[in-house]
């Protein structure tokens, strides 16, 4: 059985998303794919400041889709309010994890400091700075 993954639906209203979700489901099923409804979730982005109507739910058939405040997508944490705080924290943690994995190299007295610096730039810093060109950085993040 094939599954569809990472579908993005954008609409001004949640009821519009419901209609598009049903069209996507029918299209995918006609091509042999299946939506895994138990793992399905959605993120409502509040970038425009317009608040949606209360009580509107995103549904597929009879199942209500769970709403999330943030989720991980392609290694980044996306928040519905447009902030990057969770992603910055996640990237710092990923950098420290790479640092710990490479601590044997960094603590080895036989290796020259120049080689350790190159290793740091390639492994640790690149992990921490992955996709930062897309971040709306604030002074507090710097």
C-alpha atoms as a PDB file:
ATOM      1  CA  UNK A   1       0.000   0.000   0.000  1.00  0.00           C
ATOM      2  CA  UNK A   2       1.355   3.422  -0.928  1.00  0.00           C
ATOM      3  CA  UNK A   3       0.928   6.459   1.316  1.00  0.00           C
ATOM      4  CA  UNK A   4       0.879  10.176   0.515  1.00  0.00           C
ATOM      5  CA  UNK A   5       3.124  12.305   2.713  1.00  0.00           C
ATOM      6  CA  UNK A   6       3.523  16.041   3.333  1.00  0.00           C
ATOM      7  CA  UNK A   7       0.546  17.577   1.587  1.00  0.00           C
ATOM      8  CA  UNK A   8       0.131  21.309   2.015  1.00  0.00           C
ATOM      9  CA  UNK A   9      -3.268  22.916   1.630  1.00  0.00           C
ATOM     10  CA  UNK A  10      -3.668  26.672   1.802  1.00  0.00           C
ATOM     11  CA  UNK A  11      -6.956  28.514   2.006  1.00  0.00           C
ATOM     12  CA  UNK A  12      -8.332  31.629   3.672  1.00  0.00           C
ATOM     13  CA  UNK A  13     -10.946  29.596   5.551  1.00  0.00           C
ATOM     14  CA  UNK A  14     -10.915  26.238   7.299  1.00  0.00           C
ATOM     15  CA  UNK A  15     -14.062  25.222   5.434  1.00  0.00           C
ATOM     16  CA  UNK A  16     -12.153  25.798   2.175  1.00  0.00           C
ATOM     17  CA  UNK A  17      -9.406  23.502   3.447  1.00  0.00           C
ATOM     18  CA  UNK A  18     -12.020  20.832   4.190  1.00  0.00           C
ATOM     19  CA  UNK A  19     -13.228  20.955   0.584  1.00  0.00           C
ATOM     20  CA  UNK A  20      -9.664  20.838  -0.820  1.00  0.00           C
ATOM     21  CA  UNK A  21      -8.741  17.982   1.515  1.00  0.00           C
ATOM     22  CA  UNK A  22     -11.629  15.897   0.197  1.00  0.00           C
ATOM     23  CA  UNK A  23     -10.558  16.597  -3.420  1.00  0.00           C
ATOM     24  CA  UNK A  24      -6.968  15.590  -2.573  1.00  0.00           C
ATOM     25  CA  UNK A  25      -8.153  12.386  -0.930  1.00  0.00           C
ATOM     26  CA  UNK A  26     -10.217  11.413  -3.971  1.00  0.00           C
ATOM     27  CA  UNK A  27      -7.376  12.278  -6.379  1.00  0.00           C
ATOM     28  CA  UNK A  28      -4.778  10.304  -4.421  1.00  0.00           C
ATOM     29  CA  UNK A  29      -7.017   7.286  -3.942  1.00  0.00           C
ATOM     30  CA  UNK A  30      -7.749   7.212  -7.685  1.00  0.00           C
ATOM     31  CA  UNK A  31      -3.964   6.902  -8.257  1.00  0.00           C
ATOM     32  CA  UNK A  32      -3.509   4.106  -5.697  1.00  0.00           C
ATOM     33  CA  UNK A  33      -2.350   6.223  -2.730  1.00  0.00           C
ATOM     34  CA  UNK A  34      -3.952   6.331   0.700  1.00  0.00           C
ATOM     35  CA  UNK A  35      -4.055   9.104   3.299  1.00  0.00           C
ATOM     36  CA  UNK A  36      -3.085   7.861   6.783  1.00  0.00           C
ATOM     37  CA  UNK A  37      -5.869   9.542   8.734  1.00  0.00           C
ATOM     38  CA  UNK A  38      -4.589   8.481  12.159  1.00  0.00           C
ATOM     39  CA  UNK A  39      -1.334  10.439  11.734  1.00  0.00           C
ATOM     40  CA  UNK A  40      -2.862  13.425   9.995  1.00  0.00           C
ATOM     41  CA  UNK A  41      -2.516  16.870  11.580  1.00  0.00           C
ATOM     42  CA  UNK A  42      -2.701  20.482  10.491  1.00  0.00           C
ATOM     43  CA  UNK A  43      -1.109  23.789  11.382  1.00  0.00           C
ATOM     44  CA  UNK A  44      -3.055  27.018  11.175  1.00  0.00           C
ATOM     45  CA  UNK A  45      -0.786  29.945  10.312  1.00  0.00           C
ATOM     46  CA  UNK A  46      -1.773  33.257  11.848  1.00  0.00           C
ATOM     47  CA  UNK A  47       0.479  35.548   9.836  1.00  0.00           C
ATOM     48  CA  UNK A  48      -2.211  37.980   8.682  1.00  0.00           C
ATOM     49  CA  UNK A  49      -3.688  38.655  12.135  1.00  0.00           C
ATOM     50  CA  UNK A  50      -7.175  37.660  10.945  1.00  0.00           C
ATOM     51  CA  UNK A  51      -8.740  35.269  13.427  1.00  0.00           C
ATOM     52  CA  UNK A  52     -10.812  32.395  12.011  1.00  0.00           C
ATOM     53  CA  UNK A  53     -14.357  31.644  13.074  1.00  0.00           C
ATOM     54  CA  UNK A  54     -14.577  29.724  16.341  1.00  0.00           C
ATOM     55  CA  UNK A  55     -15.865  26.155  16.212  1.00  0.00           C
ATOM     56  CA  UNK A  56     -14.789  25.367  12.642  1.00  0.00           C
ATOM     57  CA  UNK A  57     -13.042  22.000  12.412  1.00  0.00           C
ATOM     58  CA  UNK A  58     -10.908  20.431   9.723  1.00  0.00           C
ATOM     59  CA  UNK A  59     -12.422  17.040   8.851  1.00  0.00           C
ATOM     60  CA  UNK A  60     -11.833  14.196   6.478  1.00  0.00           C
ATOM     61  CA  UNK A  61     -15.016  12.148   6.143  1.00  0.00           C
ATOM     62  CA  UNK A  62     -16.159  11.830   9.762  1.00  0.00           C
ATOM     63  CA  UNK A  63     -12.756  12.140  11.440  1.00  0.00           C
ATOM     64  CA  UNK A  64     -11.610  15.449  12.939  1.00  0.00           C
ATOM     65  CA  UNK A  65      -8.008  16.309  12.071  1.00  0.00           C
ATOM     66  CA  UNK A  66      -5.847  17.284  15.059  1.00  0.00           C
ATOM     67  CA  UNK A  67      -4.633  20.895  15.215  1.00  0.00           C
ATOM     68  CA  UNK A  68      -0.992  21.542  16.177  1.00  0.00           C
ATOM     69  CA  UNK A  69       0.749  24.743  17.256  1.00  0.00           C
ATOM     70  CA  UNK A  70       4.036  23.635  15.661  1.00  0.00           C
ATOM     71  CA  UNK A  71       5.490  20.631  13.876  1.00  0.00           C
ATOM     72  CA  UNK A  72       8.727  19.376  12.397  1.00  0.00           C
ATOM     73  CA  UNK A  73       9.038  19.538   8.622  1.00  0.00           C
ATOM     74  CA  UNK A  74      12.247  18.780   6.688  1.00  0.00           C
ATOM     75  CA  UNK A  75      14.350  19.178   9.849  1.00  0.00           C
ATOM     76  CA  UNK A  76      12.888  22.532  10.876  1.00  0.00           C
ATOM     77  CA  UNK A  77      10.285  23.383  13.496  1.00  0.00           C
ATOM     78  CA  UNK A  78       7.472  25.414  11.948  1.00  0.00           C
ATOM     79  CA  UNK A  79       5.277  27.475  14.264  1.00  0.00           C
ATOM     80  CA  UNK A  80       1.840  28.758  13.331  1.00  0.00           C
ATOM     81  CA  UNK A  81       2.508  32.236  14.708  1.00  0.00           C
ATOM     82  CA  UNK A  82       5.524  32.753  12.441  1.00  0.00           C
ATOM     83  CA  UNK A  83       8.152  32.724  15.214  1.00  0.00           C
ATOM     84  CA  UNK A  84      11.410  30.767  15.036  1.00  0.00           C
ATOM     85  CA  UNK A  85      12.109  30.267  18.765  1.00  0.00           C
ATOM     86  CA  UNK A  86      11.411  26.511  18.693  1.00  0.00           C
ATOM     87  CA  UNK A  87      13.540  26.064  15.569  1.00  0.00           C
ATOM     88  CA  UNK A  88      16.464  28.002  17.097  1.00  0.00           C
ATOM     89  CA  UNK A  89      16.297  25.833  20.233  1.00  0.00           C
ATOM     90  CA  UNK A  90      16.116  22.691  18.084  1.00  0.00           C
ATOM     91  CA  UNK A  91      19.137  23.748  15.980  1.00  0.00           C
ATOM     92  CA  UNK A  92      21.216  24.516  19.096  1.00  0.00           C
ATOM     93  CA  UNK A  93      20.370  21.061  20.473  1.00  0.00           C
ATOM     94  CA  UNK A  94      21.316  19.435  17.154  1.00  0.00           C
ATOM     95  CA  UNK A  95      24.643  21.294  17.165  1.00  0.00           C
ATOM     96  CA  UNK A  96      25.415  20.138  20.712  1.00  0.00           C
ATOM     97  CA  UNK A  97      24.564  16.564  19.746  1.00  0.00           C
ATOM     98  CA  UNK A  98      27.051  16.707  16.858  1.00  0.00           C
ATOM     99  CA  UNK A  99      29.616  18.276  19.223  1.00  0.00           C
ATOM    100  CA  UNK A 100      29.201  15.385  21.675  1.00  0.00           C
ATOM    101  CA  UNK A 101      29.505  12.830  18.885  1.00  0.00           C
ATOM    102  CA  UNK A 102      32.727  14.475  17.703  1.00  0.00           C
ATOM    103  CA  UNK A 103      34.206  15.139  21.156  1.00  0.00           C
ATOM    104  CA  UNK A 104      36.784  12.394  20.573  1.00  0.00           C
ATOM    105  CA  UNK A 105      38.143  14.348  17.621  1.00  0.00           C
ATOM    106  CA  UNK A 106      38.032  17.713  19.404  1.00  0.00           C
ATOM    107  CA  UNK A 107      39.809  16.353  22.510  1.00  0.00           C
ATOM    108  CA  UNK A 108      42.475  14.410  20.597  1.00  0.00           C
ATOM    109  CA  UNK A 109      45.833  16.103  21.266  1.00  0.00           C
ATOM    110  CA  UNK A 110      47.412  14.427  18.224  1.00  0.00           C
ATOM    111  CA  UNK A 111      45.238  16.334  15.752  1.00  0.00           C
ATOM    112  CA  UNK A 112      46.319  19.857  14.786  1.00  0.00           C
ATOM    113  CA  UNK A 113      43.983  22.740  15.781  1.00  0.00           C
ATOM    114  CA  UNK A 114      43.509  23.710  12.119  1.00  0.00           C
ATOM    115  CA  UNK A 115      42.034  20.286  11.338  1.00  0.00           C
ATOM    116  CA  UNK A 116      39.780  20.523  14.404  1.00  0.00           C
ATOM    117  CA  UNK A 117      38.548  23.910  13.175  1.00  0.00           C
ATOM    118  CA  UNK A 118      37.700  22.511   9.747  1.00  0.00           C
ATOM    119  CA  UNK A 119      35.931  19.575  11.371  1.00  0.00           C
ATOM    120  CA  UNK A 120      33.895  21.989  13.515  1.00  0.00           C
ATOM    121  CA  UNK A 121      32.918  24.128  10.513  1.00  0.00           C
ATOM    122  CA  UNK A 122      31.850  21.135   8.438  1.00  0.00           C
ATOM    123  CA  UNK A 123      30.017  19.146  11.112  1.00  0.00           C
ATOM    124  CA  UNK A 124      28.831  21.291  14.021  1.00  0.00           C
ATOM    125  CA  UNK A 125      28.345  24.739  12.527  1.00  0.00           C
ATOM    126  CA  UNK A 126      26.676  23.466   9.352  1.00  0.00           C
ATOM    127  CA  UNK A 127      24.227  21.464  11.484  1.00  0.00           C
ATOM    128  CA  UNK A 128      23.342  24.509  13.581  1.00  0.00           C
ATOM    129  CA  UNK A 129      23.015  26.897  10.640  1.00  0.00           C
ATOM    130  CA  UNK A 130      20.996  24.647   8.314  1.00  0.00           C
ATOM    131  CA  UNK A 131      18.301  26.754   6.565  1.00  0.00           C
ATOM    132  CA  UNK A 132      18.922  29.906   8.643  1.00  0.00           C
ATOM    133  CA  UNK A 133      18.720  32.043   5.507  1.00  0.00           C
ATOM    134  CA  UNK A 134      14.945  31.543   5.759  1.00  0.00           C
ATOM    135  CA  UNK A 135      14.706  32.740   9.383  1.00  0.00           C
ATOM    136  CA  UNK A 136      13.212  36.125  10.313  1.00  0.00           C
ATOM    137  CA  UNK A 137      15.961  36.726  12.917  1.00  0.00           C
ATOM    138  CA  UNK A 138      15.448  39.017  15.915  1.00  0.00           C
ATOM    139  CA  UNK A 139      18.118  40.534  18.156  1.00  0.00           C
ATOM    140  CA  UNK A 140      17.245  38.038  20.916  1.00  0.00           C
ATOM    141  CA  UNK A 141      18.121  35.138  18.588  1.00  0.00           C
ATOM    142  CA  UNK A 142      21.520  36.550  17.671  1.00  0.00           C
END
